[in-house]
Amino acid sequence: MTAALARITADSAVDRAPAGRATIGCLILARDAEESVAGVIESLLHQTRVPDVIHVIVSDTSDVTVEIASRYAGPRDVITALGAQATRVFVHDIGRSPDARASALDYGCTLAEGYDYLLGVDGDTVVGERAIEHLESEAMSDTRTLGMFFTLIRHESGEKV
């Protein structure tokens, strides 16, 4: 799928968002993450507050990360403690680049334009089930917040964040 098509399709998530609720675009930056990418995607799909769109950006990989992530591609209807929610998962293989992580982030940011918040997740970070709900609540509690980029990184202890 081209970046333009992914952006157009993902933009419909912004249009579908309930009134009074922020829209959240999520980027998973993955490189050689065949061991962890499924768990990362699953943790996002099992949030109490599911992101409106999830883009898995794979760069500079030499394993089967793309194939594993692609199993999750497409629309997802999720029932959570907060009610019915919908998201869509896209997988993008941007190939090799000298600055793979920066290139993946730049590419992903163009896909998430128009969302109120952008959540960046490392390809080996399993997110605790209420993480996004809490981040959204914190961001929306201050009306001076114009936009925010949340980044979740794996704790050295391996605990969920």
C-alpha atoms as a PDB file:
ATOM      1  CA  MET A   1       0.000   0.000   0.000  1.00  0.00           C
ATOM      2  CA  THR A   2       1.331   3.392  -0.860  1.00  0.00           C
ATOM      3  CA  ALA A   3       1.847   6.068   1.776  1.00  0.00           C
ATOM      4  CA  ALA A   4      -0.779   8.265   0.140  1.00  0.00           C
ATOM      5  CA  LEU A   5      -3.407   5.495   0.169  1.00  0.00           C
ATOM      6  CA  ALA A   6      -2.573   4.592   3.773  1.00  0.00           C
ATOM      7  CA  ARG A   7      -2.910   8.248   4.761  1.00  0.00           C
ATOM      8  CA  ILE A   8      -6.266   8.641   2.966  1.00  0.00           C
ATOM      9  CA  THR A   9      -7.645   5.442   4.482  1.00  0.00           C
ATOM     10  CA  ALA A  10      -6.319   6.323   7.931  1.00  0.00           C
ATOM     11  CA  ASP A  11      -7.779   9.822   7.653  1.00  0.00           C
ATOM     12  CA  SER A  12     -11.215   8.250   7.698  1.00  0.00           C
ATOM     13  CA  ALA A  13     -10.459   7.234  11.300  1.00  0.00           C
ATOM     14  CA  VAL A  14     -10.234  10.928  12.167  1.00  0.00           C
ATOM     15  CA  ASP A  15     -13.677  11.448  10.618  1.00  0.00           C
ATOM     16  CA  ARG A  16     -15.133   8.479  12.555  1.00  0.00           C
ATOM     17  CA  ALA A  17     -13.852   9.583  15.988  1.00  0.00           C
ATOM     18  CA  PRO A  18     -16.632  10.235  18.510  1.00  0.00           C
ATOM     19  CA  ALA A  19     -17.150  13.883  19.460  1.00  0.00           C
ATOM     20  CA  GLY A  20     -15.127  14.902  22.485  1.00  0.00           C
ATOM     21  CA  ARG A  21     -12.546  12.200  21.994  1.00  0.00           C
ATOM     22  CA  ALA A  22      -9.045  12.867  20.725  1.00  0.00           C
ATOM     23  CA  THR A  23      -7.694  10.970  17.737  1.00  0.00           C
ATOM     24  CA  ILE A  24      -4.504   9.002  18.242  1.00  0.00           C
ATOM     25  CA  GLY A  25      -2.207   7.757  15.504  1.00  0.00           C
ATOM     26  CA  CYS A  26       0.300   5.121  16.556  1.00  0.00           C
ATOM     27  CA  LEU A  27       3.645   4.333  14.955  1.00  0.00           C
ATOM     28  CA  ILE A  28       5.505   1.131  15.736  1.00  0.00           C
ATOM     29  CA  LEU A  29       9.123   1.483  14.644  1.00  0.00           C
ATOM     30  CA  ALA A  30      10.445  -2.010  13.992  1.00  0.00           C
ATOM     31  CA  ARG A  31      13.799  -3.351  12.879  1.00  0.00           C
ATOM     32  CA  ASP A  32      14.631  -7.043  13.176  1.00  0.00           C
ATOM     33  CA  ALA A  33      11.673  -7.422  15.540  1.00  0.00           C
ATOM     34  CA  GLU A  34      10.418 -10.856  14.510  1.00  0.00           C
ATOM     35  CA  GLU A  35      10.541 -12.018  18.138  1.00  0.00           C
ATOM     36  CA  SER A  36       8.491  -9.123  19.511  1.00  0.00           C
ATOM     37  CA  VAL A  37       6.377  -7.317  16.899  1.00  0.00           C
ATOM     38  CA  ALA A  38       3.320  -9.570  17.316  1.00  0.00           C
ATOM     39  CA  GLY A  39       3.295  -8.946  21.066  1.00  0.00           C
ATOM     40  CA  VAL A  40       3.613  -5.195  20.522  1.00  0.00           C
ATOM     41  CA  ILE A  41       0.678  -5.107  18.097  1.00  0.00           C
ATOM     42  CA  GLU A  42      -1.394  -7.369  20.355  1.00  0.00           C
ATOM     43  CA  SER A  43      -0.715  -5.093  23.335  1.00  0.00           C
ATOM     44  CA  LEU A  44      -2.012  -2.111  21.346  1.00  0.00           C
ATOM     45  CA  LEU A  45      -5.102  -3.999  20.188  1.00  0.00           C
ATOM     46  CA  HIS A  46      -5.848  -4.940  23.815  1.00  0.00           C
ATOM     47  CA  GLN A  47      -5.738  -1.402  25.162  1.00  0.00           C
ATOM     48  CA  THR A  48      -8.745   0.007  26.993  1.00  0.00           C
ATOM     49  CA  ARG A  49      -8.321   2.949  24.577  1.00  0.00           C
ATOM     50  CA  VAL A  50      -7.288   1.585  21.192  1.00  0.00           C
ATOM     51  CA  PRO A  51      -5.363   3.927  18.837  1.00  0.00           C
ATOM     52  CA  ASP A  52      -7.423   5.105  15.861  1.00  0.00           C
ATOM     53  CA  VAL A  53      -4.754   3.842  13.497  1.00  0.00           C
ATOM     54  CA  ILE A  54      -1.597   1.755  13.898  1.00  0.00           C
ATOM     55  CA  HIS A  55       1.240   2.043  11.387  1.00  0.00           C
ATOM     56  CA  VAL A  56       4.006  -0.538  11.669  1.00  0.00           C
ATOM     57  CA  ILE A  57       7.051   1.016  10.009  1.00  0.00           C
ATOM     58  CA  VAL A  58       9.692  -1.616   9.264  1.00  0.00           C
ATOM     59  CA  SER A  59      13.128  -0.472   8.194  1.00  0.00           C
ATOM     60  CA  ASP A  60      16.536  -1.994   7.638  1.00  0.00           C
ATOM     61  CA  THR A  61      15.368  -5.462   8.634  1.00  0.00           C
ATOM     62  CA  SER A  62      16.920  -8.804   7.814  1.00  0.00           C
ATOM     63  CA  ASP A  63      14.291 -11.060   9.361  1.00  0.00           C
ATOM     64  CA  VAL A  64      10.574 -11.807   8.904  1.00  0.00           C
ATOM     65  CA  THR A  65       9.228  -8.786  10.827  1.00  0.00           C
ATOM     66  CA  VAL A  66       7.158  -7.628   7.823  1.00  0.00           C
ATOM     67  CA  GLU A  67       5.542 -11.029   7.337  1.00  0.00           C
ATOM     68  CA  ILE A  68       4.617 -11.347  11.015  1.00  0.00           C
ATOM     69  CA  ALA A  69       3.273  -7.790  11.274  1.00  0.00           C
ATOM     70  CA  SER A  70       1.294  -8.238   8.041  1.00  0.00           C
ATOM     71  CA  ARG A  71      -0.856 -10.887   9.744  1.00  0.00           C
ATOM     72  CA  TYR A  72      -2.449  -8.013  11.665  1.00  0.00           C
ATOM     73  CA  ALA A  73      -2.991  -5.661   8.710  1.00  0.00           C
ATOM     74  CA  GLY A  74      -6.483  -4.390   8.087  1.00  0.00           C
ATOM     75  CA  PRO A  75      -9.472  -3.063  10.009  1.00  0.00           C
ATOM     76  CA  ARG A  76     -10.089  -4.212  13.564  1.00  0.00           C
ATOM     77  CA  ASP A  77     -13.224  -3.851  15.657  1.00  0.00           C
ATOM     78  CA  VAL A  78     -12.386  -4.120  19.336  1.00  0.00           C
ATOM     79  CA  ILE A  79     -14.657  -4.332  22.372  1.00  0.00           C
ATOM     80  CA  THR A  80     -13.036  -2.867  25.491  1.00  0.00           C
ATOM     81  CA  ALA A  81     -14.080  -1.731  28.956  1.00  0.00           C
ATOM     82  CA  LEU A  82     -14.691   1.670  27.333  1.00  0.00           C
ATOM     83  CA  GLY A  83     -16.984   0.211  24.665  1.00  0.00           C
ATOM     84  CA  ALA A  84     -16.728  -0.674  20.983  1.00  0.00           C
ATOM     85  CA  GLN A  85     -13.766   0.840  19.149  1.00  0.00           C
ATOM     86  CA  ALA A  86     -12.331   0.523  15.669  1.00  0.00           C
ATOM     87  CA  THR A  87      -8.790   0.756  14.426  1.00  0.00           C
ATOM     88  CA  ARG A  88      -6.875  -0.141  11.319  1.00  0.00           C
ATOM     89  CA  VAL A  89      -3.381  -1.640  11.110  1.00  0.00           C
ATOM     90  CA  PHE A  90      -1.037  -0.805   8.229  1.00  0.00           C
ATOM     91  CA  VAL A  91       2.396  -2.329   7.639  1.00  0.00           C
ATOM     92  CA  HIS A  92       5.041  -0.423   5.684  1.00  0.00           C
ATOM     93  CA  ASP A  93       8.432  -1.827   4.682  1.00  0.00           C
ATOM     94  CA  ILE A  94      10.582   1.192   3.827  1.00  0.00           C
ATOM     95  CA  GLY A  95      13.699  -0.856   3.068  1.00  0.00           C
ATOM     96  CA  ARG A  96      17.256   0.044   3.949  1.00  0.00           C
ATOM     97  CA  SER A  97      18.398   3.514   4.874  1.00  0.00           C
ATOM     98  CA  PRO A  98      21.580   4.906   6.448  1.00  0.00           C
ATOM     99  CA  ASP A  99      19.441   6.551   9.152  1.00  0.00           C
ATOM    100  CA  ALA A 100      16.863   3.783   9.432  1.00  0.00           C
ATOM    101  CA  ARG A 101      15.188   4.868  12.677  1.00  0.00           C
ATOM    102  CA  ALA A 102      15.010   8.555  11.722  1.00  0.00           C
ATOM    103  CA  SER A 103      13.748   7.676   8.245  1.00  0.00           C
ATOM    104  CA  ALA A 104      11.081   5.402   9.705  1.00  0.00           C
ATOM    105  CA  LEU A 105       9.943   8.112  12.099  1.00  0.00           C
ATOM    106  CA  ASP A 106       9.856  10.752   9.355  1.00  0.00           C
ATOM    107  CA  TYR A 107       7.862   8.446   7.096  1.00  0.00           C
ATOM    108  CA  GLY A 108       5.455   7.547   9.881  1.00  0.00           C
ATOM    109  CA  CYS A 109       4.864  11.165  10.843  1.00  0.00           C
ATOM    110  CA  THR A 110       3.620  11.912   7.337  1.00  0.00           C
ATOM    111  CA  LEU A 111       1.093   9.080   7.710  1.00  0.00           C
ATOM    112  CA  ALA A 112      -0.222  10.353  11.027  1.00  0.00           C
ATOM    113  CA  GLU A 113      -0.882  13.954  10.004  1.00  0.00           C
ATOM    114  CA  GLY A 114      -4.259  15.169  11.193  1.00  0.00           C
ATOM    115  CA  TYR A 115      -4.404  13.147  14.386  1.00  0.00           C
ATOM    116  CA  ASP A 116      -4.559  14.984  17.695  1.00  0.00           C
ATOM    117  CA  TYR A 117      -1.789  12.887  19.196  1.00  0.00           C
ATOM    118  CA  LEU A 118       0.969  10.683  17.877  1.00  0.00           C
ATOM    119  CA  LEU A 119       2.145   7.680  19.851  1.00  0.00           C
ATOM    120  CA  GLY A 120       5.544   6.212  19.040  1.00  0.00           C
ATOM    121  CA  VAL A 121       6.224   2.668  20.211  1.00  0.00           C
ATOM    122  CA  ASP A 122       9.452   0.725  19.817  1.00  0.00           C
ATOM    123  CA  GLY A 123       9.155  -2.607  18.041  1.00  0.00           C
ATOM    124  CA  ASP A 124       9.974  -4.460  21.247  1.00  0.00           C
ATOM    125  CA  THR A 125       7.722  -2.577  23.700  1.00  0.00           C
ATOM    126  CA  VAL A 126       4.712  -4.332  25.146  1.00  0.00           C
ATOM    127  CA  VAL A 127       2.298  -1.677  26.385  1.00  0.00           C
ATOM    128  CA  GLY A 128       0.257  -2.051  29.590  1.00  0.00           C
ATOM    129  CA  GLU A 129      -3.482  -2.290  28.858  1.00  0.00           C
ATOM    130  CA  ARG A 130      -4.399   1.188  30.152  1.00  0.00           C
ATOM    131  CA  ALA A 131      -1.338   3.094  28.921  1.00  0.00           C
ATOM    132  CA  ILE A 132      -3.022   4.895  26.022  1.00  0.00           C
ATOM    133  CA  GLU A 133      -6.134   5.666  28.076  1.00  0.00           C
ATOM    134  CA  HIS A 134      -3.932   7.321  30.719  1.00  0.00           C
ATOM    135  CA  LEU A 135      -1.812   9.199  28.165  1.00  0.00           C
ATOM    136  CA  GLU A 136      -4.908  10.542  26.417  1.00  0.00           C
ATOM    137  CA  SER A 137      -6.493  11.584  29.712  1.00  0.00           C
ATOM    138  CA  GLU A 138      -3.321  13.383  30.790  1.00  0.00           C
ATOM    139  CA  ALA A 139      -2.972  15.198  27.493  1.00  0.00           C
ATOM    140  CA  MET A 140      -6.626  16.256  27.374  1.00  0.00           C
ATOM    141  CA  SER A 141      -6.669  17.423  31.003  1.00  0.00           C
ATOM    142  CA  ASP A 142      -4.677  20.535  30.100  1.00  0.00           C
ATOM    143  CA  THR A 143      -6.440  22.714  27.540  1.00  0.00           C
ATOM    144  CA  ARG A 144      -3.115  24.381  26.754  1.00  0.00           C
ATOM    145  CA  THR A 145      -1.902  21.139  25.187  1.00  0.00           C
ATOM    146  CA  LEU A 146      -1.859  21.679  21.427  1.00  0.00           C
ATOM    147  CA  GLY A 147      -0.271  18.424  20.488  1.00  0.00           C
ATOM    148  CA  MET A 148       1.927  15.810  21.984  1.00  0.00           C
ATOM    149  CA  PHE A 149       4.194  13.044  20.831  1.00  0.00           C
ATOM    150  CA  PHE A 150       4.214  10.174  23.290  1.00  0.00           C
ATOM    151  CA  THR A 151       7.041   7.716  23.090  1.00  0.00           C
ATOM    152  CA  LEU A 152       6.911   4.456  24.955  1.00  0.00           C
ATOM    153  CA  ILE A 153      10.182   2.678  25.409  1.00  0.00           C
ATOM    154  CA  ARG A 154      10.963  -0.639  26.955  1.00  0.00           C
ATOM    155  CA  HIS A 155      12.124  -0.461  30.540  1.00  0.00           C
ATOM    156  CA  GLU A 156      15.362  -2.296  31.208  1.00  0.00           C
ATOM    157  CA  SER A 157      13.422  -4.419  33.705  1.00  0.00           C
ATOM    158  CA  GLY A 158      11.248  -5.686  30.851  1.00  0.00           C
ATOM    159  CA  GLU A 159       8.089  -4.531  32.643  1.00  0.00           C
ATOM    160  CA  LYS A 160       5.103  -3.262  30.690  1.00  0.00           C
ATOM    161  CA  VAL A 161       4.882   0.523  30.424  1.00  0.00           C
END
